Amino acid sequence: MSVDHGSGNVNSALTGANDIGEWITPPVSYVDPARRFCKFCGRPIARRFWLAKTAGGGTFCDPAHAALFTTYPRSSDE
């Protein structure tokens, strides 16, 4: 999927049965830098990120991580 690298662009996509979301390319701000991390692996996200539109939602570095996050077994204390 191609992404326009302009400021604040959004590209929607459907990449799997349960993986609905969109690529977000936020505007660059040196005054108020936002720190974003993948909800699945914890990797810092520098430029574009996948915003999942599922029940759990969240910010991910890749649509595959969003799909894994919804199916990955987690402990009951979370």
Protein backbone atom coordinates (compact mmCIF):
# COMPACT_ATOMS: atom_id res chain seq x y z
CA MET A 1 0.00 0.00 0.00
CA SER A 2 1.37 3.40 -0.87
CA VAL A 3 1.23 6.19 1.65
CA ASP A 4 1.35 9.88 0.91
CA HIS A 5 4.07 11.30 3.14
CA GLY A 6 2.46 14.73 3.46
CA SER A 7 1.33 16.01 6.84
CA GLY A 8 -1.72 14.47 8.46
CA ASN A 9 -2.64 12.03 5.70
CA VAL A 10 -4.84 9.03 6.35
CA ASN A 11 -5.16 5.89 4.23
CA SER A 12 -7.80 3.30 5.09
CA ALA A 13 -7.34 -0.39 4.43
CA LEU A 14 -8.73 -3.80 5.16
CA THR A 15 -5.85 -6.26 5.52
CA GLY A 16 -7.55 -9.27 7.06
CA ALA A 17 -10.79 -10.64 8.42
CA ASN A 18 -10.45 -8.95 11.83
CA ASP A 19 -7.87 -6.33 10.94
CA ILE A 20 -9.60 -3.07 10.07
CA GLY A 21 -7.73 0.18 10.46
CA GLU A 22 -5.88 2.94 8.72
CA TRP A 23 -2.35 4.19 8.22
CA ILE A 24 -1.83 7.56 9.91
CA THR A 25 0.96 9.95 8.98
CA PRO A 26 0.84 12.68 11.63
CA PRO A 27 2.24 16.16 11.04
CA VAL A 28 5.75 16.71 12.36
CA SER A 29 5.84 18.94 15.44
CA TYR A 30 9.09 20.04 17.03
CA VAL A 31 7.30 22.07 19.69
CA ASP A 32 5.14 19.24 21.05
CA PRO A 33 6.71 15.91 20.00
CA ALA A 34 4.41 12.92 20.48
CA ARG A 35 5.98 9.66 21.58
CA ARG A 36 4.20 6.66 20.09
CA PHE A 37 4.91 3.00 20.69
CA CYS A 38 3.51 -0.19 19.15
CA LYS A 39 0.89 -1.65 21.49
CA PHE A 40 2.05 -5.18 20.61
CA CYS A 41 5.87 -5.09 20.49
CA GLY A 42 6.70 -1.75 22.13
CA ARG A 43 8.76 -0.52 19.17
CA PRO A 44 8.99 3.29 18.96
CA ILE A 45 7.02 4.60 15.98
CA ALA A 46 8.81 7.43 14.20
CA ARG A 47 6.69 8.34 11.19
CA ARG A 48 3.56 6.48 10.19
CA PHE A 49 1.53 4.11 12.31
CA TRP A 50 -1.41 1.74 11.99
CA LEU A 51 -4.48 2.85 13.95
CA ALA A 52 -6.63 -0.22 14.53
CA LYS A 53 -10.39 0.24 14.42
CA THR A 54 -11.27 -2.93 16.29
CA ALA A 55 -12.82 -3.33 19.74
CA GLY A 56 -9.43 -3.00 21.46
CA GLY A 57 -8.12 -0.30 19.14
CA GLY A 58 -4.62 1.05 19.54
CA THR A 59 -1.50 2.19 17.75
CA PHE A 60 0.67 -0.41 16.01
CA CYS A 61 3.80 -0.37 13.85
CA ASP A 62 2.22 -2.82 11.38
CA PRO A 63 -1.24 -4.22 10.60
CA ALA A 64 0.11 -7.72 11.31
CA HIS A 65 0.86 -6.66 14.89
CA ALA A 66 -2.72 -5.42 15.28
CA ALA A 67 -3.98 -8.83 14.13
CA LEU A 68 -1.59 -10.63 16.48
CA PHE A 69 -2.61 -8.41 19.40
CA THR A 70 -6.25 -9.47 19.08
CA THR A 71 -5.42 -13.19 18.88
CA TYR A 72 -2.37 -13.43 21.14
CA PRO A 73 -3.14 -15.09 24.50
CA ARG A 74 -2.71 -12.70 27.41
CA SER A 75 -2.81 -13.30 31.14
CA SER A 76 -6.13 -12.69 32.90
CA ASP A 77 -4.66 -10.00 35.20
CA GLU A 78 -4.45 -7.40 32.38
